[in-house]
Amino acid sequence: MYLHCFEDVKEITKELVKVPSIVKTKGEKDCAEKIFEFYKETSYFKQNPDSLKIVQTIDDEIERHIVIAHVKGTKGNSNKALILMGHLDTVWVDDFGEIKEYAFDPDKLPELLKQRHLDKEVLKDIESGEYMFGRGALDMKSGVAGQMYLTKYFSEHTDEFDGHLITLAACDEEDNSHGVLTALKVFRQMKEEDGLEFIGCINADYSTPYHSQDENRYVYFGTIGKLLPSFYVVGEEAHVGQAFSSLDPNLLVAEITRLIDYNTELCDESQGEVTIPPVSLKQSDFKDKYTVQTPLSAYAYYNFFTHSMTPKDVMDVVYKKAEEAFDNVIHYLNQSYESFCKKGNHIYKELIWQKRVYTWNEFYTELYTLHGDKFKVYMDSFSKELNEQNPALDLREFSVKMVEEAWKWSLDKSPAIIIYFSSTYNGRIEMTGKTDLERSLMDSVNKSIDFARDYMDKPIVTKMFYPYISDSSFMSMSDSPEDLLYLEKNMPAWGTRYVHNVEDVMAINVPVVNIGTYGKDGHKLTERVHMKYTFENVPNITYNTIKSLLK
């Protein structure tokens, strides 16, 4: 069956976009309440109020909520449960400048955008009338809207499926994933109390063309993983008039960036698909005011996508790059100093810098060996106090403050690089079809796609890794417990500011597919969603997948 849902999903999308649910603002709470009210007004949830939950996120620095709607089919008595999921938060709107008050207004925004210097493709898409513009329209309120429509539909047609349909609208996907982490605990409780057997998860996050000539629409099995290898770099400070007696940590960081940034040799590959190469997300020293002293320390961190690489694999790669960077800088400094000595008729003497690179675990272990329990007790206390006094402190900043504090205990103050992980762990999920659940999900999705092709005017292609960071990463885990232990030992914030609860993830442990929105320019001023595909084709592919899995 094919649902004629375009207008309904369009209207829900527009209403959601109008709520400015920027991550880490009150808008996340407002949007969750709007979604909750949508479900609350349906007949099913009026009759089954306990099946609808609005839950405040746990261990969070602000008040925000997730919404979980649970519909039980009446076609039989199966305990199989399928999860639909999407996120309600958006990124900030500073890029809209003087028109940011219209960033959440799909009706007025296109005309305002036309007054700007836009490329021809954007203008063409505005004139076509095929796209809805607005922050969150693509990423990903239209996906949430489609799932809301389907949940309402199935609540009115419970005789069409056998099992449980559980729909999650999560907050905080754009930052530290408090929403889905809270949801995992709710799912786990539902599993234990209701005897549910989770069989799969359908996310509706966004997709976009790979290049200007790409007209394909995409459905993704599994998902990419993401790690954030981070570098704390200590140099040797000096007055700028004696520059060659210093080792500038900014130069070391710059060389690390040169060796890692956009380096396609560091792409991860599996099943014929390749990740985007690592790219810098932050690079800075720690000077907070002007002086004529060279900086003492600096830091940087890099986005690193994975398909098959474990945390240890990533650490091994970037560790080698750090060593290479250190060698290159020492060589460069000596070349430069020798040249300077020749120009100034000075006596050249080789600069004897020694390469020192540590993982966080190696550095911590060395300090523990030197200082014993006194060091451990102090760092545990410092971590706890830092977290209590600064509950809203960014996880990356928390991590580097931990490394800074540990450095104070080092007896050897010569230049060094300390490498650690400093962000939420987004696990890779690689689906190979080796399990019954994977085969069932993949077969159901492929059959639904085949059916939908008759109603589409563009090709639709399946791929094996969703290429962006998403909450899908918390539904299962391809890395082993040993891999996670390695991550734990090399993450300064672990245990205080961050913990990846493996037990919660493995209690769900289902294959994932992204049947999501389609459009262009996610996270940009010109963000827009293609309405026909997103408001009609996507819900229908999802609808038939649900019916196939819960038949």
Protein backbone atom coordinates (compact mmCIF):
# COMPACT_ATOMS: atom_id res chain seq x y z
CA MET A 1 0.00 0.00 0.00
CA TYR A 2 1.14 3.55 -0.74
CA LEU A 3 0.29 6.33 1.72
CA HIS A 4 -0.64 9.76 0.38
CA CYS A 5 0.98 11.62 3.25
CA PHE A 6 2.68 14.60 1.61
CA GLU A 7 0.49 17.38 2.99
CA ASP A 8 0.30 15.91 6.50
CA VAL A 9 4.06 15.49 6.82
CA LYS A 10 4.66 18.92 5.30
CA GLU A 11 2.42 20.57 7.86
CA ILE A 12 3.99 18.73 10.81
CA THR A 13 7.45 19.63 9.52
CA LYS A 14 6.61 23.30 9.23
CA GLU A 15 5.22 23.38 12.75
CA LEU A 16 8.35 21.73 14.13
CA VAL A 17 10.70 24.02 12.20
CA LYS A 18 8.95 27.05 13.68
CA VAL A 19 10.15 25.98 17.14
CA PRO A 20 13.74 27.28 17.57
CA SER A 21 15.13 24.15 19.22
CA ILE A 22 18.80 25.12 19.10
CA VAL A 23 20.96 22.67 21.00
CA LYS A 24 21.65 23.65 24.61
CA THR A 25 18.76 26.14 24.72
CA LYS A 26 15.26 26.10 26.17
CA GLY A 27 13.99 25.46 22.64
CA GLU A 28 14.86 21.77 22.96
CA LYS A 29 12.39 21.50 25.84
CA ASP A 30 9.77 23.47 23.89
CA CYS A 31 10.05 21.23 20.85
CA ALA A 32 9.82 18.06 22.93
CA GLU A 33 6.65 19.41 24.54
CA LYS A 34 5.16 20.18 21.11
CA ILE A 35 5.82 16.63 19.93
CA PHE A 36 4.40 15.25 23.16
CA GLU A 37 1.21 17.32 22.70
CA PHE A 38 0.86 16.03 19.11
CA TYR A 39 0.77 12.44 20.34
CA LYS A 40 -1.27 13.28 23.42
CA GLU A 41 -4.18 14.48 21.25
CA THR A 42 -4.49 11.18 19.38
CA SER A 43 -7.15 8.69 20.36
CA TYR A 44 -4.66 5.91 21.01
CA PHE A 45 -2.64 7.81 23.60
CA LYS A 46 -5.75 9.22 25.22
CA GLN A 47 -6.77 5.61 25.81
CA ASN A 48 -3.22 4.46 26.61
CA PRO A 49 -1.56 7.42 28.38
CA ASP A 50 1.13 5.21 29.94
CA SER A 51 2.40 4.40 26.44
CA LEU A 52 3.49 7.99 25.90
CA LYS A 53 6.48 9.35 27.85
CA ILE A 54 8.25 12.68 28.05
CA VAL A 55 11.46 12.07 29.97
CA GLN A 56 14.00 14.55 31.27
CA THR A 57 17.56 13.72 30.27
CA ILE A 58 19.83 12.33 32.98
CA ASP A 59 23.17 13.76 34.14
CA ASP A 60 22.54 16.82 32.00
CA GLU A 61 23.64 20.41 32.56
CA ILE A 62 20.31 21.86 31.38
CA GLU A 63 16.66 20.79 31.48
CA ARG A 64 15.56 19.12 28.26
CA HIS A 65 13.50 16.11 27.32
CA ILE A 66 12.99 13.18 24.99
CA VAL A 67 9.63 11.86 23.84
CA ILE A 68 8.89 8.15 23.45
CA ALA A 69 5.64 6.91 21.90
CA HIS A 70 4.84 3.19 22.12
CA VAL A 71 2.14 1.59 19.95
CA LYS A 72 1.25 -2.11 20.26
CA GLY A 73 -0.11 -3.93 17.26
CA THR A 74 -3.23 -6.09 17.56
CA LYS A 75 -2.58 -8.40 14.62
CA GLY A 76 -1.02 -10.93 17.01
CA ASN A 77 0.87 -11.21 20.30
CA SER A 78 4.46 -10.84 19.14
CA ASN A 79 6.97 -9.29 21.54
CA LYS A 80 9.12 -7.99 18.66
CA ALA A 81 9.87 -4.28 18.91
CA LEU A 82 11.07 -1.90 16.22
CA ILE A 83 12.53 1.52 17.05
CA LEU A 84 11.99 4.65 14.97
CA MET A 85 14.29 7.48 15.95
CA GLY A 86 15.15 11.06 15.11
CA HIS A 87 16.46 14.18 16.82
CA LEU A 88 14.62 17.43 17.47
CA ASP A 89 17.55 19.78 18.12
CA THR A 90 19.28 21.99 15.58
CA VAL A 91 22.61 23.77 15.31
CA TRP A 92 22.88 27.52 15.92
CA VAL A 93 21.71 30.21 13.51
CA ASP A 94 24.50 32.80 13.76
CA ASP A 95 25.30 32.19 10.09
CA PHE A 96 21.96 33.82 9.18
CA GLY A 97 23.27 37.19 10.37
CA GLU A 98 20.70 39.99 10.32
CA ILE A 99 17.91 37.65 9.16
CA LYS A 100 18.39 35.02 11.86
CA GLU A 101 14.97 35.80 13.33
CA TYR A 102 13.58 34.24 10.14
CA ALA A 103 15.82 31.15 10.26
CA PHE A 104 12.86 29.11 11.51
CA ASP A 105 10.26 30.58 9.15
CA PRO A 106 9.95 28.41 6.03
CA ASP A 107 7.40 30.77 4.48
CA LYS A 108 9.36 34.04 4.65
CA LEU A 109 12.94 32.79 4.54
CA PRO A 110 13.20 31.98 0.78
CA GLU A 111 12.36 35.54 -0.31
CA LEU A 112 14.89 36.96 2.15
CA LEU A 113 17.55 34.57 0.88
CA LYS A 114 16.93 35.73 -2.70
CA GLN A 115 18.13 39.18 -1.67
CA ARG A 116 21.55 37.73 -0.94
CA HIS A 117 24.30 36.73 -3.33
CA LEU A 118 23.47 33.06 -3.73
CA ASP A 119 24.76 30.59 -6.27
CA LYS A 120 22.56 29.60 -9.19
CA GLU A 121 21.70 26.19 -7.74
CA VAL A 122 20.15 27.70 -4.60
CA LEU A 123 18.15 30.23 -6.62
CA LYS A 124 17.00 27.46 -8.93
CA ASP A 125 15.84 25.38 -5.95
CA ILE A 126 13.95 28.36 -4.50
CA GLU A 127 12.17 28.99 -7.79
CA SER A 128 11.35 25.31 -8.28
CA GLY A 129 9.10 25.22 -5.22
CA GLU A 130 10.37 21.68 -4.53
CA TYR A 131 12.26 22.58 -1.35
CA MET A 132 11.41 23.81 2.13
CA PHE A 133 14.03 26.13 3.60
CA GLY A 134 14.79 26.73 7.27
CA ARG A 135 17.10 25.67 10.05
CA GLY A 136 16.25 22.09 10.97
CA ALA A 137 14.05 21.48 7.92
CA LEU A 138 16.59 19.03 6.53
CA ASP A 139 18.49 18.13 9.70
CA MET A 140 16.16 16.69 10.72
CA LYS A 141 12.70 17.81 11.73
CA SER A 142 11.18 16.56 8.49
CA GLY A 143 12.43 13.10 9.44
CA VAL A 144 10.87 13.40 12.89
CA ALA A 145 7.66 14.64 11.26
CA GLY A 146 7.46 11.61 8.99
CA GLN A 147 7.88 9.28 11.94
CA MET A 148 5.24 11.20 13.91
CA TYR A 149 2.83 10.76 11.00
CA LEU A 150 3.56 7.02 10.82
CA THR A 151 3.22 6.54 14.57
CA LYS A 152 -0.16 8.26 14.49
CA TYR A 153 -1.17 6.17 11.46
CA PHE A 154 -0.25 2.87 13.11
CA SER A 155 -1.97 3.94 16.32
CA GLU A 156 -5.15 4.19 14.22
CA HIS A 157 -4.46 0.93 12.35
CA THR A 158 -3.09 -1.40 15.01
CA ASP A 159 -4.53 -4.36 13.12
CA GLU A 160 -1.91 -3.86 10.39
CA PHE A 161 1.05 -5.06 12.43
CA ASP A 162 2.07 -7.62 15.03
CA GLY A 163 4.51 -6.35 17.64
CA HIS A 164 5.60 -3.05 19.12
CA LEU A 165 6.46 0.22 17.38
CA ILE A 166 8.50 2.55 19.58
CA THR A 167 9.22 6.07 18.32
CA LEU A 168 11.89 8.29 19.85
CA ALA A 169 12.30 12.04 19.38
CA ALA A 170 15.64 12.83 21.02
CA CYS A 171 17.31 16.07 22.05
CA ASP A 172 21.03 16.88 22.08
CA GLU A 173 22.11 14.92 19.01
CA GLU A 174 24.17 17.90 17.85
CA ASP A 175 26.37 17.95 20.97
CA ASN A 176 26.84 15.17 23.53
CA SER A 177 23.88 12.82 22.88
CA HIS A 178 22.22 13.11 26.29
CA GLY A 179 18.91 12.36 24.56
CA VAL A 180 19.68 8.96 23.11
CA LEU A 181 21.72 7.95 26.15
CA THR A 182 18.67 8.63 28.31
CA ALA A 183 16.48 6.77 25.81
CA LEU A 184 18.66 3.67 26.05
CA LYS A 185 17.85 3.39 29.75
CA VAL A 186 14.13 3.75 29.02
CA PHE A 187 14.31 1.12 26.27
CA ARG A 188 16.17 -1.21 28.59
CA GLN A 189 13.49 -0.79 31.24
CA MET A 190 10.76 -1.43 28.66
CA LYS A 191 12.56 -4.54 27.51
CA GLU A 192 12.72 -5.92 31.04
CA GLU A 193 9.21 -4.94 32.10
CA ASP A 194 7.35 -5.77 28.87
CA GLY A 195 9.51 -8.66 27.68
CA LEU A 196 10.32 -6.88 24.40
CA GLU A 197 12.62 -8.32 21.77
CA PHE A 198 14.23 -5.44 19.89
CA ILE A 199 14.78 -6.35 16.24
CA GLY A 200 15.93 -3.18 14.50
CA CYS A 201 16.16 0.59 14.41
CA ILE A 202 15.19 3.04 11.66
CA ASN A 203 16.77 6.47 11.89
CA ALA A 204 15.53 9.34 9.69
CA ASP A 205 18.60 11.59 9.68
CA TYR A 206 19.47 13.59 6.61
CA SER A 207 21.22 12.69 3.38
CA THR A 208 22.52 14.95 0.64
CA PRO A 209 24.11 14.71 -2.83
CA TYR A 210 27.75 13.69 -2.99
CA HIS A 211 28.43 16.13 -5.83
CA SER A 212 26.59 18.66 -8.02
CA GLN A 213 25.60 16.06 -10.62
CA ASP A 214 24.39 13.46 -8.11
CA GLU A 215 20.63 12.93 -8.35
CA ASN A 216 20.51 9.68 -6.37
CA ARG A 217 18.53 9.29 -3.18
CA TYR A 218 20.22 7.22 -0.47
CA VAL A 219 19.32 4.67 2.18
CA TYR A 220 22.15 3.63 4.51
CA PHE A 221 22.65 0.42 6.46
CA GLY A 222 24.93 0.67 9.49
CA THR A 223 26.72 3.88 10.34
CA ILE A 224 30.08 5.54 10.39
CA GLY A 225 32.03 5.80 13.65
CA LYS A 226 33.64 8.97 14.94
CA LEU A 227 36.54 9.59 17.30
CA LEU A 228 38.27 12.81 18.28
CA PRO A 229 42.01 12.25 18.69
CA SER A 230 43.37 15.28 20.53
CA PHE A 231 46.89 16.60 21.03
CA TYR A 232 48.27 18.52 24.01
CA VAL A 233 51.60 19.95 22.90
CA VAL A 234 54.19 21.45 25.24
CA GLY A 235 57.08 23.45 23.83
CA GLU A 236 59.88 25.52 25.32
CA GLU A 237 59.16 29.20 25.91
CA ALA A 238 61.59 32.09 25.37
CA HIS A 239 61.69 35.80 24.60
CA VAL A 240 61.07 36.30 20.89
CA GLY A 241 64.47 37.96 20.63
CA GLN A 242 65.94 34.56 21.46
CA ALA A 243 63.54 32.57 19.30
CA PHE A 244 65.94 29.72 18.56
CA SER A 245 66.21 28.88 22.24
CA SER A 246 62.48 28.13 22.18
CA LEU A 247 60.40 25.40 20.59
CA ASP A 248 57.11 26.90 19.47
CA PRO A 249 54.25 24.48 20.27
CA ASN A 250 52.19 26.22 17.58
CA LEU A 251 54.73 25.04 15.02
CA LEU A 252 54.41 21.47 16.29
CA VAL A 253 50.61 21.66 16.17
CA ALA A 254 50.75 23.17 12.69
CA GLU A 255 52.90 20.29 11.49
CA ILE A 256 50.54 17.76 13.05
CA THR A 257 47.69 19.47 11.24
CA ARG A 258 49.63 19.43 7.96
CA LEU A 259 50.18 15.69 8.28
CA ILE A 260 46.61 14.82 9.32
CA ASP A 261 44.27 17.41 7.79
CA TYR A 262 42.59 16.13 4.60
CA ASN A 263 45.13 13.31 4.37
CA THR A 264 43.40 10.66 2.24
CA GLU A 265 45.95 8.06 3.36
CA LEU A 266 44.10 8.17 6.69
CA CYS A 267 40.68 7.39 5.20
CA ASP A 268 39.15 4.20 6.56
CA GLU A 269 37.69 1.74 4.06
CA SER A 270 35.33 -1.22 4.31
CA GLN A 271 32.90 -2.95 1.96
CA GLY A 272 34.07 -0.71 -0.87
CA GLU A 273 33.14 2.50 0.95
CA VAL A 274 35.58 5.15 2.10
CA THR A 275 35.36 7.70 4.92
CA ILE A 276 36.07 11.39 4.58
CA PRO A 277 39.67 12.01 5.73
CA PRO A 278 40.37 13.52 9.14
CA VAL A 279 39.96 17.27 9.45
CA SER A 280 40.89 19.79 12.13
CA LEU A 281 38.11 21.03 14.40
CA LYS A 282 40.24 23.08 16.80
CA GLN A 283 43.77 24.47 16.95
CA SER A 284 44.95 26.98 19.54
CA ASP A 285 47.59 27.89 22.08
CA PHE A 286 46.81 28.82 25.68
CA LYS A 287 47.98 32.44 25.79
CA ASP A 288 45.14 34.66 26.95
CA LYS A 289 46.91 37.98 26.41
CA TYR A 290 49.70 39.49 24.38
CA THR A 291 53.30 39.01 25.53
CA VAL A 292 56.64 38.82 23.69
CA GLN A 293 57.19 35.35 25.09
CA THR A 294 56.60 32.41 22.81
CA PRO A 295 53.73 30.15 23.90
CA LEU A 296 54.42 27.31 26.28
CA SER A 297 51.65 24.96 25.17
CA ALA A 298 49.00 24.45 22.51
CA TYR A 299 46.41 21.90 21.54
CA ALA A 300 44.36 20.62 18.63
CA TYR A 301 41.78 17.98 17.87
CA TYR A 302 40.65 16.28 14.68
CA ASN A 303 37.50 14.60 13.51
CA PHE A 304 38.31 10.99 12.58
CA PHE A 305 35.65 8.85 10.90
CA THR A 306 35.86 5.06 10.99
CA HIS A 307 34.35 2.11 9.15
CA SER A 308 36.57 -0.69 10.46
CA MET A 309 39.21 1.00 12.64
CA THR A 310 39.09 0.57 16.41
CA PRO A 311 40.12 3.29 18.90
CA LYS A 312 43.53 1.63 19.14
CA ASP A 313 43.89 1.61 15.36
CA VAL A 314 43.17 5.33 15.27
CA MET A 315 45.57 6.03 18.13
CA ASP A 316 48.32 4.04 16.41
CA VAL A 317 47.88 6.08 13.23
CA VAL A 318 47.89 9.51 14.86
CA TYR A 319 50.71 8.53 17.24
CA LYS A 320 52.92 7.88 14.21
CA LYS A 321 51.89 11.22 12.74
CA ALA A 322 52.82 12.95 15.99
CA GLU A 323 56.25 11.31 15.94
CA GLU A 324 56.69 12.30 12.31
CA ALA A 325 55.65 15.87 13.11
CA PHE A 326 58.15 16.06 15.97
CA ASP A 327 60.98 14.79 13.76
CA ASN A 328 60.05 17.20 10.98
CA VAL A 329 59.96 20.21 13.30
CA ILE A 330 63.33 19.37 14.87
CA HIS A 331 64.84 19.00 11.40
CA TYR A 332 63.22 22.22 10.17
CA LEU A 333 64.37 24.22 13.20
CA ASN A 334 67.96 23.09 12.72
CA GLN A 335 67.86 23.95 9.03
CA SER A 336 66.44 27.36 9.83
CA TYR A 337 68.91 28.00 12.66
CA GLU A 338 71.88 26.98 10.52
CA SER A 339 70.70 29.31 7.76
CA PHE A 340 70.27 32.14 10.28
CA CYS A 341 73.77 31.58 11.66
CA LYS A 342 75.26 31.80 8.17
CA LYS A 343 73.34 34.99 7.41
CA GLY A 344 74.37 36.61 10.71
CA ASN A 345 77.90 35.20 10.82
CA HIS A 346 77.21 33.31 14.03
CA ILE A 347 78.57 29.96 15.14
CA TYR A 348 76.02 27.20 14.46
CA LYS A 349 75.49 24.53 17.09
CA GLU A 350 72.87 21.85 16.57
CA LEU A 351 69.65 22.31 18.50
CA ILE A 352 69.28 19.16 20.61
CA TRP A 353 65.54 18.67 20.96
CA GLN A 354 64.33 15.20 21.86
CA LYS A 355 61.16 13.69 20.47
CA ARG A 356 58.65 12.78 23.20
CA VAL A 357 55.21 11.42 22.34
CA TYR A 358 52.79 9.80 24.81
CA THR A 359 49.31 8.40 24.77
CA TRP A 360 47.29 9.63 27.75
CA ASN A 361 47.50 6.15 29.28
CA GLU A 362 51.30 6.10 28.91
CA PHE A 363 51.63 9.57 30.41
CA TYR A 364 49.26 8.84 33.30
CA THR A 365 51.05 5.55 34.02
CA GLU A 366 54.44 7.28 34.08
CA LEU A 367 53.18 9.87 36.55
CA TYR A 368 51.56 7.21 38.70
CA THR A 369 54.85 5.31 38.76
CA LEU A 370 56.63 8.47 39.91
CA HIS A 371 54.11 9.68 42.49
CA GLY A 372 51.99 6.66 43.41
CA ASP A 373 48.50 6.91 44.89
CA LYS A 374 49.04 10.57 45.80
CA PHE A 375 48.83 11.43 42.09
CA LYS A 376 45.79 9.25 41.44
CA VAL A 377 43.87 10.58 44.45
CA TYR A 378 44.66 14.15 43.44
CA MET A 379 43.57 13.69 39.81
CA ASP A 380 40.38 11.92 40.85
CA SER A 381 39.58 14.78 43.21
CA PHE A 382 40.46 17.42 40.62
CA SER A 383 38.26 15.74 38.02
CA LYS A 384 35.30 15.52 40.37
CA GLU A 385 35.67 19.12 41.56
CA LEU A 386 36.05 20.42 38.00
CA ASN A 387 32.87 18.63 36.98
CA GLU A 388 30.90 19.87 40.00
CA GLN A 389 32.02 23.48 39.65
CA ASN A 390 31.62 23.60 35.86
CA PRO A 391 28.74 21.26 34.94
CA ALA A 392 28.24 23.01 31.59
CA LEU A 393 31.93 22.88 30.64
CA ASP A 394 32.44 21.55 27.14
CA LEU A 395 33.71 17.96 27.14
CA ARG A 396 36.70 18.90 24.97
CA GLU A 397 37.66 21.71 27.37
CA PHE A 398 37.19 19.45 30.37
CA SER A 399 39.55 16.92 28.81
CA VAL A 400 42.34 19.36 28.04
CA LYS A 401 42.13 20.82 31.57
CA MET A 402 42.70 17.30 32.89
CA VAL A 403 45.81 16.92 30.75
CA GLU A 404 47.06 20.39 31.76
CA GLU A 405 46.68 19.48 35.42
CA ALA A 406 48.49 16.18 35.01
CA TRP A 407 51.35 17.95 33.25
CA LYS A 408 52.04 19.91 36.44
CA TRP A 409 53.12 16.60 38.02
CA SER A 410 55.66 15.83 35.32
CA LEU A 411 59.27 16.10 36.46
CA ASP A 412 60.56 16.32 32.89
CA LYS A 413 59.30 19.62 31.46
CA SER A 414 60.98 19.27 28.08
CA PRO A 415 58.75 19.48 24.96
CA ALA A 416 56.24 16.67 24.55
CA ILE A 417 53.05 15.64 22.79
CA ILE A 418 50.28 13.89 24.71
CA ILE A 419 47.52 12.26 22.64
CA TYR A 420 44.09 11.45 24.04
CA PHE A 421 40.42 11.17 23.07
CA SER A 422 38.15 13.99 24.13
CA SER A 423 34.65 13.60 22.76
CA THR A 424 31.57 11.44 22.85
CA TYR A 425 32.22 8.01 21.38
CA ASN A 426 30.12 7.46 18.28
CA GLY A 427 30.52 3.77 17.56
CA ARG A 428 30.77 2.40 14.05
CA ILE A 429 28.13 -0.17 13.10
CA GLU A 430 29.12 -2.40 10.23
CA MET A 431 26.38 -4.62 8.85
CA THR A 432 27.46 -7.66 6.88
CA GLY A 433 24.25 -9.70 6.77
CA LYS A 434 25.75 -12.40 8.97
CA THR A 435 22.98 -12.37 11.58
CA ASP A 436 19.27 -13.12 11.23
CA LEU A 437 18.35 -9.63 12.44
CA GLU A 438 20.65 -7.96 9.92
CA ARG A 439 19.36 -10.08 7.04
CA SER A 440 15.75 -9.47 8.03
CA LEU A 441 16.19 -5.70 8.20
CA MET A 442 18.16 -5.52 4.97
CA ASP A 443 15.67 -7.70 3.08
CA SER A 444 12.68 -5.73 4.34
CA VAL A 445 14.24 -2.39 3.43
CA ASN A 446 15.28 -3.57 -0.04
CA LYS A 447 11.78 -4.86 -0.79
CA SER A 448 10.28 -1.56 0.37
CA ILE A 449 12.69 0.37 -1.85
CA ASP A 450 11.76 -1.78 -4.84
CA PHE A 451 8.08 -1.00 -4.20
CA ALA A 452 8.72 2.76 -3.81
CA ARG A 453 10.67 3.04 -7.07
CA ASP A 454 7.40 3.03 -9.02
CA TYR A 455 6.45 6.29 -7.27
CA MET A 456 9.82 8.05 -7.62
CA ASP A 457 11.39 10.09 -10.39
CA LYS A 458 14.99 9.70 -9.15
CA PRO A 459 17.17 6.63 -8.56
CA ILE A 460 17.52 5.31 -5.03
CA VAL A 461 20.76 3.67 -3.90
CA THR A 462 21.66 1.69 -0.77
CA LYS A 463 25.04 2.06 0.89
CA MET A 464 26.61 0.31 3.87
CA PHE A 465 27.61 3.21 6.14
CA TYR A 466 25.63 6.31 7.03
CA PRO A 467 28.36 8.93 6.42
CA TYR A 468 27.59 11.44 9.21
CA ILE A 469 27.59 11.40 12.99
CA SER A 470 24.21 10.29 14.30
CA ASP A 471 22.40 8.75 17.23
CA SER A 472 22.32 5.44 15.32
CA SER A 473 25.78 4.81 16.78
CA PHE A 474 24.21 4.07 20.16
CA MET A 475 21.96 1.24 18.98
CA SER A 476 24.72 -1.33 18.66
CA MET A 477 28.50 -1.60 18.61
CA SER A 478 30.95 -3.24 16.22
CA ASP A 479 33.94 -2.48 18.44
CA SER A 480 34.67 -5.07 21.13
CA PRO A 481 34.67 -4.52 24.92
CA GLU A 482 38.48 -4.60 24.72
CA ASP A 483 38.38 -1.78 22.17
CA LEU A 484 36.22 0.26 24.53
CA LEU A 485 38.62 -0.43 27.40
CA TYR A 486 41.41 1.08 25.31
CA LEU A 487 39.25 4.14 24.69
CA GLU A 488 38.51 4.43 28.41
CA LYS A 489 42.20 4.35 29.35
CA ASN A 490 42.99 7.11 26.87
CA MET A 491 40.10 9.44 27.69
CA PRO A 492 40.90 11.85 30.55
CA ALA A 493 37.21 12.64 31.13
CA TRP A 494 36.16 9.01 31.47
CA GLY A 495 34.41 8.13 34.70
CA THR A 496 33.65 11.69 35.75
CA ARG A 497 32.51 13.78 32.81
CA TYR A 498 31.82 10.94 30.40
CA VAL A 499 31.08 7.22 30.38
CA HIS A 500 29.94 5.12 27.45
CA ASN A 501 27.51 2.68 29.02
CA VAL A 502 28.21 -0.49 27.06
CA GLU A 503 25.60 -2.44 29.02
CA ASP A 504 22.83 -0.07 27.93
CA VAL A 505 23.92 -0.28 24.29
CA MET A 506 24.23 -4.06 24.27
CA ALA A 507 20.83 -4.45 25.96
CA ILE A 508 19.35 -3.05 22.73
CA ASN A 509 22.00 -4.21 20.22
CA VAL A 510 20.05 -4.05 16.96
CA PRO A 511 20.97 -3.47 13.32
CA VAL A 512 20.29 0.04 12.03
CA VAL A 513 19.20 1.64 8.80
CA ASN A 514 18.87 5.30 7.92
CA ILE A 515 15.78 5.98 5.81
CA GLY A 516 16.05 9.71 6.08
CA THR A 517 15.42 13.14 4.74
CA TYR A 518 16.99 14.37 1.53
CA GLY A 519 18.10 17.87 0.69
CA LYS A 520 21.06 20.20 0.51
CA ASP A 521 23.34 22.35 2.66
CA GLY A 522 22.78 20.85 6.08
CA HIS A 523 24.10 23.17 8.82
CA LYS A 524 24.30 26.05 6.33
CA LEU A 525 22.32 29.23 5.73
CA THR A 526 20.71 27.64 2.68
CA GLU A 527 19.66 24.39 4.40
CA ARG A 528 16.68 22.95 2.54
CA VAL A 529 14.75 19.70 2.32
CA HIS A 530 13.32 18.16 -0.85
CA MET A 531 9.65 17.88 -0.07
CA LYS A 532 8.38 15.17 -2.44
CA TYR A 533 11.00 12.63 -1.49
CA THR A 534 11.06 13.47 2.23
CA PHE A 535 7.36 14.06 2.88
CA GLU A 536 6.07 11.17 0.77
CA ASN A 537 8.66 8.67 -0.47
CA VAL A 538 10.56 8.32 2.81
CA PRO A 539 7.46 7.68 4.97
CA ASN A 540 6.30 5.08 2.47
CA ILE A 541 9.61 3.23 2.43
CA THR A 542 9.55 3.29 6.21
CA TYR A 543 5.89 2.26 6.34
CA ASN A 544 6.42 -0.84 4.21
CA THR A 545 9.60 -1.74 6.11
CA ILE A 546 7.66 -1.63 9.39
CA LYS A 547 4.90 -3.82 7.97
CA SER A 548 7.42 -6.32 6.65
CA LEU A 549 9.31 -6.57 9.95
CA LEU A 550 6.23 -6.62 12.17
CA LYS A 551 4.00 -8.81 10.03
